[in-house]
């Protein structure tokens, strides 16, 4: 309960002069409740291992596509995980995947933002798993497309804050325009992976979930 007022106080005190520092604290505060909730929950050892394996699989999936700008199945894999196991597992898988994947691609101040961005993809996909947005084929494709752009927008915000300078609508629109092609590539790759692999991967994960009673 203290996260929201703490975030407001930090923003009011520091955001006007220290954009990057304040945003970093806010991102950490946004991620903290999910990690704390997972730690406080009585998870089976198998459930912890499953999340680690899913996060590692999502992370490693970036490697074969490293030569294609922003074409990657990470967001898709996080979406499927969240669809089968729920929002909290989706967030945890996305956040951990960001850390693991950057073992190969390089850690940096962007890692915490990728944790938030991919965690948000998992959180939203998990929250929508019982709705037509994830159950209907066309709406699922649309959701994947939008979540691809969401990831990009969050990373764009990090880049804008990192560059410093004045923050206004024209600055944000300028950066969003520059990154549009990369974000579109990510969003379209989500559509491709959803069309080809969503049903197959969902059946595999649901079989694991039902057989071992994991993350119910």
Protein backbone atom coordinates (compact mmCIF):
# COMPACT_ATOMS: atom_id res chain seq x y z
CA UNK A 1 0.00 0.00 0.00
CA UNK A 2 2.92 2.36 0.55
CA UNK A 3 4.22 1.98 -3.02
CA UNK A 4 1.80 4.47 -4.63
CA UNK A 5 2.24 7.34 -2.13
CA UNK A 6 6.01 6.74 -2.13
CA UNK A 7 6.05 6.97 -5.92
CA UNK A 8 4.04 10.22 -5.84
CA UNK A 9 6.39 11.76 -3.29
CA UNK A 10 9.48 10.76 -5.27
CA UNK A 11 8.00 12.20 -8.44
CA UNK A 12 7.04 15.51 -6.80
CA UNK A 13 10.44 15.95 -5.15
CA UNK A 14 12.84 14.79 -7.81
CA UNK A 15 11.27 14.22 -11.22
CA UNK A 16 11.54 17.82 -12.38
CA UNK A 17 15.34 17.94 -12.00
CA UNK A 18 16.46 14.32 -11.90
CA UNK A 19 14.39 12.57 -14.55
CA UNK A 20 16.55 9.49 -14.88
CA UNK A 21 17.15 8.89 -11.18
CA UNK A 22 13.51 9.42 -10.26
CA UNK A 23 12.31 7.17 -13.08
CA UNK A 24 14.72 4.41 -12.03
CA UNK A 25 13.36 4.47 -8.48
CA UNK A 26 9.78 4.43 -9.78
CA UNK A 27 10.50 1.45 -12.03
CA UNK A 28 12.03 -0.45 -9.12
CA UNK A 29 9.01 0.37 -6.97
CA UNK A 30 6.72 -0.85 -9.76
CA UNK A 31 8.53 -4.21 -9.96
CA UNK A 32 9.03 -4.69 -6.22
CA UNK A 33 5.45 -5.76 -5.30
CA UNK A 34 5.52 -8.63 -7.79
CA UNK A 35 8.83 -10.00 -6.55
CA UNK A 36 7.74 -9.53 -2.94
CA UNK A 37 4.42 -11.26 -3.59
CA UNK A 38 6.18 -14.17 -5.24
CA UNK A 39 8.65 -14.49 -2.36
CA UNK A 40 5.88 -14.43 0.24
CA UNK A 41 3.83 -17.02 -1.62
CA UNK A 42 4.42 -20.66 -0.73
CA UNK A 43 5.72 -21.87 -4.06
CA UNK A 44 6.70 -25.43 -4.80
CA UNK A 45 10.28 -26.02 -5.84
CA UNK A 46 8.93 -27.27 -9.17
CA UNK A 47 7.10 -23.97 -9.71
CA UNK A 48 10.24 -21.93 -9.13
CA UNK A 49 12.16 -24.17 -11.51
CA UNK A 50 9.38 -23.86 -14.11
CA UNK A 51 9.50 -20.07 -14.05
CA UNK A 52 13.29 -20.17 -14.30
CA UNK A 53 13.09 -22.52 -17.29
CA UNK A 54 10.41 -20.43 -19.04
CA UNK A 55 12.39 -17.23 -18.46
CA UNK A 56 15.58 -18.87 -19.72
CA UNK A 57 13.79 -20.18 -22.81
CA UNK A 58 12.42 -16.71 -23.54
CA UNK A 59 15.85 -15.18 -23.02
CA UNK A 60 17.71 -17.65 -25.21
CA UNK A 61 15.12 -17.22 -27.96
CA UNK A 62 16.55 -13.74 -28.59
CA UNK A 63 19.88 -15.13 -29.76
CA UNK A 64 18.90 -16.68 -33.13
CA UNK A 65 17.14 -13.45 -34.12
CA UNK A 66 19.88 -11.07 -32.95
CA UNK A 67 20.67 -10.10 -36.54
CA UNK A 68 17.08 -9.02 -37.26
CA UNK A 69 16.25 -5.59 -35.80
CA UNK A 70 13.71 -6.06 -33.01
CA UNK A 71 12.43 -9.38 -34.34
CA UNK A 72 12.28 -11.67 -31.32
CA UNK A 73 9.90 -14.23 -29.82
CA UNK A 74 10.44 -13.10 -26.21
CA UNK A 75 7.21 -11.13 -25.90
CA UNK A 76 5.28 -13.96 -27.55
CA UNK A 77 6.67 -16.57 -25.14
CA UNK A 78 5.86 -14.33 -22.18
CA UNK A 79 2.31 -13.90 -23.49
CA UNK A 80 1.80 -17.66 -23.77
CA UNK A 81 3.22 -18.20 -20.29
CA UNK A 82 0.87 -15.58 -18.86
CA UNK A 83 -2.09 -17.05 -20.76
CA UNK A 84 -1.53 -20.49 -19.23
CA UNK A 85 -0.20 -19.65 -15.75
CA UNK A 86 -1.58 -16.19 -14.97
CA UNK A 87 -0.53 -12.58 -14.59
CA UNK A 88 1.93 -12.95 -11.72
CA UNK A 89 3.82 -15.75 -13.43
CA UNK A 90 3.75 -13.75 -16.66
CA UNK A 91 5.29 -10.73 -14.96
CA UNK A 92 7.95 -12.80 -13.19
CA UNK A 93 8.85 -14.64 -16.39
CA UNK A 94 9.16 -11.39 -18.32
CA UNK A 95 11.24 -9.65 -15.66
CA UNK A 96 13.61 -12.59 -15.18
CA UNK A 97 13.91 -13.10 -18.95
CA UNK A 98 15.24 -9.55 -19.27
CA UNK A 99 18.00 -10.23 -16.73
CA UNK A 100 18.95 -13.59 -18.22
CA UNK A 101 18.94 -12.43 -21.84
CA UNK A 102 21.24 -9.53 -21.02
CA UNK A 103 23.85 -12.00 -19.80
CA UNK A 104 24.32 -12.56 -23.54
CA UNK A 105 23.49 -9.06 -24.83
CA UNK A 106 24.99 -6.96 -22.02
CA UNK A 107 23.64 -5.67 -18.73
CA UNK A 108 23.14 -1.96 -18.18
CA UNK A 109 20.70 0.67 -16.90
CA UNK A 110 18.30 -0.47 -19.61
CA UNK A 111 17.91 -3.88 -17.96
CA UNK A 112 15.55 -2.66 -15.23
CA UNK A 113 13.41 -1.00 -17.91
CA UNK A 114 13.31 -4.20 -19.94
CA UNK A 115 12.26 -6.01 -16.77
CA UNK A 116 9.38 -3.56 -16.41
CA UNK A 117 8.47 -3.69 -20.12
CA UNK A 118 8.45 -7.47 -20.48
CA UNK A 119 6.91 -7.82 -17.05
CA UNK A 120 4.11 -5.52 -18.19
CA UNK A 121 3.59 -7.68 -21.29
CA UNK A 122 3.16 -10.74 -19.06
CA UNK A 123 0.98 -8.91 -16.56
CA UNK A 124 -1.44 -7.60 -19.19
CA UNK A 125 -1.59 -10.87 -21.13
CA UNK A 126 -2.28 -12.74 -17.88
CA UNK A 127 -4.96 -10.28 -16.82
CA UNK A 128 -6.67 -10.72 -20.19
CA UNK A 129 -6.37 -14.51 -20.39
CA UNK A 130 -10.03 -15.11 -19.51
CA UNK A 131 -11.30 -12.48 -21.94
CA UNK A 132 -11.86 -12.51 -25.72
CA UNK A 133 -8.65 -10.49 -26.12
CA UNK A 134 -6.64 -13.66 -25.52
CA UNK A 135 -9.19 -16.35 -26.40
CA UNK A 136 -10.40 -15.01 -29.75
CA UNK A 137 -7.90 -15.56 -32.58
CA UNK A 138 -8.23 -12.11 -34.18
CA UNK A 139 -8.27 -10.23 -30.87
CA UNK A 140 -5.29 -12.26 -29.65
CA UNK A 141 -3.33 -11.15 -32.70
CA UNK A 142 -4.37 -7.55 -32.05
CA UNK A 143 -3.32 -7.87 -28.40
CA UNK A 144 0.09 -9.23 -29.42
CA UNK A 145 0.52 -6.36 -31.85
CA UNK A 146 -0.33 -3.76 -29.20
CA UNK A 147 1.88 -5.39 -26.56
CA UNK A 148 4.78 -5.33 -29.01
CA UNK A 149 4.34 -1.58 -29.31
CA UNK A 150 3.91 -1.24 -25.54
CA UNK A 151 7.31 -2.80 -24.95
CA UNK A 152 8.83 -0.38 -27.44
CA UNK A 153 7.15 2.67 -25.95
CA UNK A 154 8.42 1.82 -22.46
CA UNK A 155 11.96 1.46 -23.80
CA UNK A 156 11.54 4.72 -25.73
CA UNK A 157 10.70 6.49 -22.48
CA UNK A 158 13.91 5.14 -20.96
CA UNK A 159 15.91 6.42 -23.92
CA UNK A 160 14.31 9.87 -23.72
CA UNK A 161 15.07 10.12 -20.01
CA UNK A 162 18.62 8.91 -20.58
CA UNK A 163 19.27 11.60 -23.18
CA UNK A 164 18.20 14.31 -20.74
CA UNK A 165 17.08 17.77 -21.75
CA UNK A 166 13.60 19.22 -21.80
CA UNK A 167 10.66 16.87 -21.61
CA UNK A 168 7.63 17.84 -23.65
CA UNK A 169 5.20 16.32 -26.12
CA UNK A 170 7.28 17.22 -29.18
CA UNK A 171 10.34 15.42 -27.73
CA UNK A 172 8.32 12.27 -27.07
CA UNK A 173 6.72 12.36 -30.53
CA UNK A 174 10.14 12.83 -32.14
CA UNK A 175 11.60 9.76 -30.43
CA UNK A 176 8.48 7.69 -31.02
CA UNK A 177 8.70 8.55 -34.70
CA UNK A 178 12.36 7.49 -34.85
CA UNK A 179 11.63 4.15 -33.20
CA UNK A 180 8.38 3.43 -35.03
CA UNK A 181 9.91 1.03 -37.56
CA UNK A 182 11.66 -0.98 -34.82
CA UNK A 183 8.52 -1.14 -32.69
CA UNK A 184 6.48 -2.14 -35.74
CA UNK A 185 8.96 -4.94 -36.41
CA UNK A 186 8.51 -6.22 -32.86
CA UNK A 187 4.72 -6.01 -33.09
CA UNK A 188 4.60 -7.80 -36.46
CA UNK A 189 6.91 -10.54 -35.23
CA UNK A 190 4.49 -11.11 -32.34
CA UNK A 191 1.72 -11.66 -34.89
CA UNK A 192 3.85 -14.17 -36.80
CA UNK A 193 4.74 -16.21 -33.71
CA UNK A 194 1.15 -16.12 -32.42
CA UNK A 195 -0.23 -17.42 -35.71
CA UNK A 196 2.33 -20.21 -36.07
CA UNK A 197 3.08 -21.34 -32.52
CA UNK A 198 0.47 -20.10 -30.01
CA UNK A 199 -1.84 -23.12 -30.00
CA UNK A 200 0.98 -25.68 -30.01
CA UNK A 201 2.90 -24.07 -27.18
CA UNK A 202 -0.26 -23.47 -25.17
CA UNK A 203 -1.14 -27.18 -25.33
CA UNK A 204 2.35 -28.13 -24.13
CA UNK A 205 2.30 -25.74 -21.17
CA UNK A 206 -1.27 -26.66 -20.21
CA UNK A 207 -0.31 -30.33 -20.25
CA UNK A 208 2.57 -29.58 -17.86
CA UNK A 209 0.33 -27.45 -15.66
CA UNK A 210 -2.41 -30.08 -15.39
CA UNK A 211 -0.10 -33.06 -14.99
CA UNK A 212 1.93 -31.61 -12.12
CA UNK A 213 -0.59 -29.14 -10.68
CA UNK A 214 1.80 -26.21 -11.00
CA UNK A 215 0.99 -22.54 -10.46
CA UNK A 216 -2.73 -23.06 -10.01
